[in-house]
Amino acid sequence: MASDSPMQREITEFTSLLQQDGIDAGLEYLNSRTPHQYTGIFKFDGSTLRNLALFDRRQPAIKQGGDTPMAATFCSLVGRQQTPLEISDARVDAHVKGLVDTPVISYCGVLIRDAQGQAFGTLCHYDMQRCEERTADLPLLEAAANLLYAHLPMAGA
């Protein structure tokens, strides 16, 4: 029997942690694998991006951040394109430079779909400083996003 890949082990660890300890522990786990300060779950709500849960590496006691105008977020691009988005440095990335007026410089986000497969929001890592790219962040985020919707208390709201 072949051994699990490192990614499969991380997905298994995340799934177990999410089921046993909930979303906050899951976000902390995801954040521990990235250089970004923040890891959050955001819900699309018209012109507003609502923060449902947040892990801040520097202030772990904070469990939720503020809402943001959709136009001022990279999450809006994930929702519009319905594809993952990775940005190491938004100040110099030609694909996003000038598209969004935000203090966020580094971003890695994926789409969360609801039970009907519709775009619900995003799961993302972000930082106000440049973060080194880590190709391992995106596959784990995508796997986590597929699991998270069912664990959101506001999923039906």
C-alpha atoms as a PDB file:
ATOM      1  CA  MET A   1       0.000   0.000   0.000  1.00  0.00           C
ATOM      2  CA  ALA A   2       1.464   3.349  -1.054  1.00  0.00           C
ATOM      3  CA  SER A   3       1.874   6.009   1.592  1.00  0.00           C
ATOM      4  CA  ASP A   4      -0.178   9.199   1.467  1.00  0.00           C
ATOM      5  CA  SER A   5       1.322  12.236  -0.198  1.00  0.00           C
ATOM      6  CA  PRO A   6       2.204  15.199   2.032  1.00  0.00           C
ATOM      7  CA  MET A   7      -0.774  17.106   0.545  1.00  0.00           C
ATOM      8  CA  GLN A   8      -3.145  14.237   1.318  1.00  0.00           C
ATOM      9  CA  ARG A   9      -1.861  14.123   4.896  1.00  0.00           C
ATOM     10  CA  GLU A  10      -2.462  17.883   5.264  1.00  0.00           C
ATOM     11  CA  ILE A  11      -6.004  17.537   3.894  1.00  0.00           C
ATOM     12  CA  THR A  12      -6.675  14.668   6.300  1.00  0.00           C
ATOM     13  CA  GLU A  13      -5.267  16.689   9.230  1.00  0.00           C
ATOM     14  CA  PHE A  14      -7.341  19.719   8.243  1.00  0.00           C
ATOM     15  CA  THR A  15     -10.528  17.664   7.878  1.00  0.00           C
ATOM     16  CA  SER A  16     -10.056  16.041  11.276  1.00  0.00           C
ATOM     17  CA  LEU A  17      -9.296  19.367  12.958  1.00  0.00           C
ATOM     18  CA  LEU A  18     -12.295  21.060  11.310  1.00  0.00           C
ATOM     19  CA  GLN A  19     -14.658  18.297  12.447  1.00  0.00           C
ATOM     20  CA  GLN A  20     -13.291  18.118  16.004  1.00  0.00           C
ATOM     21  CA  ASP A  21     -12.403  21.746  16.798  1.00  0.00           C
ATOM     22  CA  GLY A  22     -14.287  23.880  14.288  1.00  0.00           C
ATOM     23  CA  ILE A  23     -13.605  26.658  11.823  1.00  0.00           C
ATOM     24  CA  ASP A  24     -11.307  28.770  14.026  1.00  0.00           C
ATOM     25  CA  ALA A  25      -8.922  25.851  14.518  1.00  0.00           C
ATOM     26  CA  GLY A  26      -9.114  25.063  10.817  1.00  0.00           C
ATOM     27  CA  LEU A  27      -8.143  28.608   9.863  1.00  0.00           C
ATOM     28  CA  GLU A  28      -5.258  28.574  12.323  1.00  0.00           C
ATOM     29  CA  TYR A  29      -4.043  25.304  10.788  1.00  0.00           C
ATOM     30  CA  LEU A  30      -4.208  26.740   7.257  1.00  0.00           C
ATOM     31  CA  ASN A  31      -2.458  29.917   8.369  1.00  0.00           C
ATOM     32  CA  SER A  32       0.392  27.937   9.933  1.00  0.00           C
ATOM     33  CA  ARG A  33       1.292  26.718   6.434  1.00  0.00           C
ATOM     34  CA  THR A  34       1.601  30.145   4.817  1.00  0.00           C
ATOM     35  CA  PRO A  35       3.723  33.259   5.334  1.00  0.00           C
ATOM     36  CA  HIS A  36       0.592  35.484   5.253  1.00  0.00           C
ATOM     37  CA  GLN A  37      -0.590  37.205   8.441  1.00  0.00           C
ATOM     38  CA  TYR A  38      -4.308  36.609   7.843  1.00  0.00           C
ATOM     39  CA  THR A  39      -6.455  33.671   6.773  1.00  0.00           C
ATOM     40  CA  GLY A  40     -10.160  34.298   6.415  1.00  0.00           C
ATOM     41  CA  ILE A  41     -13.536  33.171   5.156  1.00  0.00           C
ATOM     42  CA  PHE A  42     -15.553  35.810   3.341  1.00  0.00           C
ATOM     43  CA  LYS A  43     -19.119  35.808   2.026  1.00  0.00           C
ATOM     44  CA  PHE A  44     -20.273  37.667  -1.081  1.00  0.00           C
ATOM     45  CA  ASP A  45     -23.212  39.904  -0.129  1.00  0.00           C
ATOM     46  CA  GLY A  46     -24.048  42.253  -2.985  1.00  0.00           C
ATOM     47  CA  SER A  47     -21.555  45.117  -2.943  1.00  0.00           C
ATOM     48  CA  THR A  48     -20.161  44.042   0.451  1.00  0.00           C
ATOM     49  CA  LEU A  49     -17.684  41.319   1.328  1.00  0.00           C
ATOM     50  CA  ARG A  50     -18.642  39.993   4.772  1.00  0.00           C
ATOM     51  CA  ASN A  51     -16.010  38.423   6.998  1.00  0.00           C
ATOM     52  CA  LEU A  52     -17.378  35.264   8.613  1.00  0.00           C
ATOM     53  CA  ALA A  53     -14.197  34.068  10.294  1.00  0.00           C
ATOM     54  CA  LEU A  54     -10.609  35.272  10.541  1.00  0.00           C
ATOM     55  CA  PHE A  55      -7.292  34.102  11.907  1.00  0.00           C
ATOM     56  CA  ASP A  56      -4.718  36.838  12.532  1.00  0.00           C
ATOM     57  CA  ARG A  57      -1.281  35.405  13.282  1.00  0.00           C
ATOM     58  CA  ARG A  58      -0.312  38.490  15.325  1.00  0.00           C
ATOM     59  CA  GLN A  59      -3.605  38.687  17.249  1.00  0.00           C
ATOM     60  CA  PRO A  60      -4.963  35.116  17.545  1.00  0.00           C
ATOM     61  CA  ALA A  61      -7.738  36.189  19.932  1.00  0.00           C
ATOM     62  CA  ILE A  62      -9.464  38.055  17.072  1.00  0.00           C
ATOM     63  CA  LYS A  63     -11.908  35.661  15.400  1.00  0.00           C
ATOM     64  CA  GLN A  64     -13.648  37.993  12.963  1.00  0.00           C
ATOM     65  CA  GLY A  65     -12.696  41.050  10.940  1.00  0.00           C
ATOM     66  CA  GLY A  66     -14.715  43.848   9.457  1.00  0.00           C
ATOM     67  CA  ASP A  67     -16.764  43.893   6.298  1.00  0.00           C
ATOM     68  CA  THR A  68     -15.299  45.550   3.204  1.00  0.00           C
ATOM     69  CA  PRO A  69     -16.714  47.069   0.020  1.00  0.00           C
ATOM     70  CA  MET A  70     -16.505  44.326  -2.614  1.00  0.00           C
ATOM     71  CA  ALA A  71     -14.765  46.669  -5.075  1.00  0.00           C
ATOM     72  CA  ALA A  72     -11.834  47.057  -2.634  1.00  0.00           C
ATOM     73  CA  THR A  73     -11.009  43.334  -2.477  1.00  0.00           C
ATOM     74  CA  PHE A  74      -9.118  40.727  -4.444  1.00  0.00           C
ATOM     75  CA  CYS A  75     -11.879  38.345  -3.357  1.00  0.00           C
ATOM     76  CA  SER A  76     -14.135  40.152  -5.851  1.00  0.00           C
ATOM     77  CA  LEU A  77     -11.806  39.012  -8.648  1.00  0.00           C
ATOM     78  CA  VAL A  78     -11.971  35.405  -7.413  1.00  0.00           C
ATOM     79  CA  GLY A  79     -15.778  35.648  -7.423  1.00  0.00           C
ATOM     80  CA  ARG A  80     -15.950  37.245 -10.861  1.00  0.00           C
ATOM     81  CA  GLN A  81     -13.468  34.859 -12.506  1.00  0.00           C
ATOM     82  CA  GLN A  82     -14.438  31.855 -10.340  1.00  0.00           C
ATOM     83  CA  THR A  83     -10.812  30.742 -10.361  1.00  0.00           C
ATOM     84  CA  PRO A  84      -8.085  30.808  -7.694  1.00  0.00           C
ATOM     85  CA  LEU A  85      -5.926  33.916  -7.498  1.00  0.00           C
ATOM     86  CA  GLU A  86      -2.358  34.240  -6.228  1.00  0.00           C
ATOM     87  CA  ILE A  87      -0.589  37.577  -5.906  1.00  0.00           C
ATOM     88  CA  SER A  88       2.883  37.914  -4.418  1.00  0.00           C
ATOM     89  CA  ASP A  89       3.062  41.690  -4.744  1.00  0.00           C
ATOM     90  CA  ALA A  90       0.037  43.616  -6.015  1.00  0.00           C
ATOM     91  CA  ARG A  91       2.156  46.752  -6.425  1.00  0.00           C
ATOM     92  CA  VAL A  92       4.025  45.189  -9.361  1.00  0.00           C
ATOM     93  CA  ASP A  93       1.730  42.380 -10.616  1.00  0.00           C
ATOM     94  CA  ALA A  94       0.553  43.512 -14.063  1.00  0.00           C
ATOM     95  CA  HIS A  95      -2.557  41.272 -13.861  1.00  0.00           C
ATOM     96  CA  VAL A  96      -4.011  43.133 -10.863  1.00  0.00           C
ATOM     97  CA  LYS A  97      -2.153  46.453 -10.601  1.00  0.00           C
ATOM     98  CA  GLY A  98      -4.727  49.247 -10.473  1.00  0.00           C
ATOM     99  CA  LEU A  99      -7.755  46.893 -10.528  1.00  0.00           C
ATOM    100  CA  VAL A 100      -8.462  47.027  -6.808  1.00  0.00           C
ATOM    101  CA  ASP A 101      -7.814  49.884  -4.372  1.00  0.00           C
ATOM    102  CA  THR A 102      -6.685  47.956  -1.296  1.00  0.00           C
ATOM    103  CA  PRO A 103      -3.803  47.956   1.175  1.00  0.00           C
ATOM    104  CA  VAL A 104      -3.441  44.181   0.626  1.00  0.00           C
ATOM    105  CA  ILE A 105      -0.163  43.396  -1.125  1.00  0.00           C
ATOM    106  CA  SER A 106      -0.006  39.582  -1.018  1.00  0.00           C
ATOM    107  CA  TYR A 107      -3.084  37.440  -1.575  1.00  0.00           C
ATOM    108  CA  CYS A 108      -3.915  33.792  -2.200  1.00  0.00           C
ATOM    109  CA  GLY A 109      -7.621  32.996  -2.487  1.00  0.00           C
ATOM    110  CA  VAL A 110     -10.036  30.363  -3.711  1.00  0.00           C
ATOM    111  CA  LEU A 111     -13.780  30.207  -4.250  1.00  0.00           C
ATOM    112  CA  ILE A 112     -16.148  28.646  -1.710  1.00  0.00           C
ATOM    113  CA  ARG A 113     -19.272  27.235  -3.332  1.00  0.00           C
ATOM    114  CA  ASP A 114     -22.590  26.688  -1.580  1.00  0.00           C
ATOM    115  CA  ALA A 115     -24.516  23.398  -1.479  1.00  0.00           C
ATOM    116  CA  GLN A 116     -25.984  24.157  -4.933  1.00  0.00           C
ATOM    117  CA  GLY A 117     -22.542  24.856  -6.436  1.00  0.00           C
ATOM    118  CA  GLN A 118     -23.025  28.622  -6.601  1.00  0.00           C
ATOM    119  CA  ALA A 119     -20.310  31.116  -5.636  1.00  0.00           C
ATOM    120  CA  PHE A 120     -20.725  31.777  -1.902  1.00  0.00           C
ATOM    121  CA  GLY A 121     -17.486  33.558  -1.005  1.00  0.00           C
ATOM    122  CA  THR A 122     -13.775  32.990  -0.602  1.00  0.00           C
ATOM    123  CA  LEU A 123     -11.189  31.356   1.584  1.00  0.00           C
ATOM    124  CA  CYS A 124      -7.980  33.331   1.436  1.00  0.00           C
ATOM    125  CA  HIS A 125      -4.606  34.191   2.890  1.00  0.00           C
ATOM    126  CA  TYR A 126      -3.605  37.853   2.704  1.00  0.00           C
ATOM    127  CA  ASP A 127      -1.059  40.313   4.030  1.00  0.00           C
ATOM    128  CA  MET A 128      -0.256  44.028   3.899  1.00  0.00           C
ATOM    129  CA  GLN A 129       3.369  43.105   3.180  1.00  0.00           C
ATOM    130  CA  ARG A 130       4.945  41.082   0.388  1.00  0.00           C
ATOM    131  CA  CYS A 131       5.001  37.361   1.132  1.00  0.00           C
ATOM    132  CA  GLU A 132       7.172  34.767  -0.541  1.00  0.00           C
ATOM    133  CA  GLU A 133       5.221  32.600  -2.938  1.00  0.00           C
ATOM    134  CA  ARG A 134       4.515  29.096  -1.746  1.00  0.00           C
ATOM    135  CA  THR A 135       3.054  26.828  -4.360  1.00  0.00           C
ATOM    136  CA  ALA A 136       1.780  24.518  -1.601  1.00  0.00           C
ATOM    137  CA  ASP A 137      -0.741  27.098  -0.355  1.00  0.00           C
ATOM    138  CA  LEU A 138      -3.222  26.901  -3.214  1.00  0.00           C
ATOM    139  CA  PRO A 139      -3.981  23.138  -3.399  1.00  0.00           C
ATOM    140  CA  LEU A 140      -4.602  22.932   0.353  1.00  0.00           C
ATOM    141  CA  LEU A 141      -6.803  26.047   0.233  1.00  0.00           C
ATOM    142  CA  GLU A 142      -8.858  24.562  -2.606  1.00  0.00           C
ATOM    143  CA  ALA A 143      -9.356  21.306  -0.700  1.00  0.00           C
ATOM    144  CA  ALA A 144     -10.254  23.229   2.469  1.00  0.00           C
ATOM    145  CA  ALA A 145     -12.740  25.458   0.622  1.00  0.00           C
ATOM    146  CA  ASN A 146     -14.564  22.340  -0.597  1.00  0.00           C
ATOM    147  CA  LEU A 147     -15.009  21.228   3.023  1.00  0.00           C
ATOM    148  CA  LEU A 148     -15.700  24.529   4.775  1.00  0.00           C
ATOM    149  CA  TYR A 149     -19.140  25.486   3.501  1.00  0.00           C
ATOM    150  CA  ALA A 150     -20.854  22.680   5.414  1.00  0.00           C
ATOM    151  CA  HIS A 151     -19.237  23.901   8.655  1.00  0.00           C
ATOM    152  CA  LEU A 152     -20.287  27.549   8.369  1.00  0.00           C
ATOM    153  CA  PRO A 153     -22.996  28.527  10.862  1.00  0.00           C
ATOM    154  CA  MET A 154     -24.209  31.214   8.444  1.00  0.00           C
ATOM    155  CA  ALA A 155     -24.113  28.927   5.381  1.00  0.00           C
ATOM    156  CA  GLY A 156     -27.857  29.145   4.875  1.00  0.00           C
ATOM    157  CA  ALA A 157     -28.051  32.868   5.649  1.00  0.00           C
END
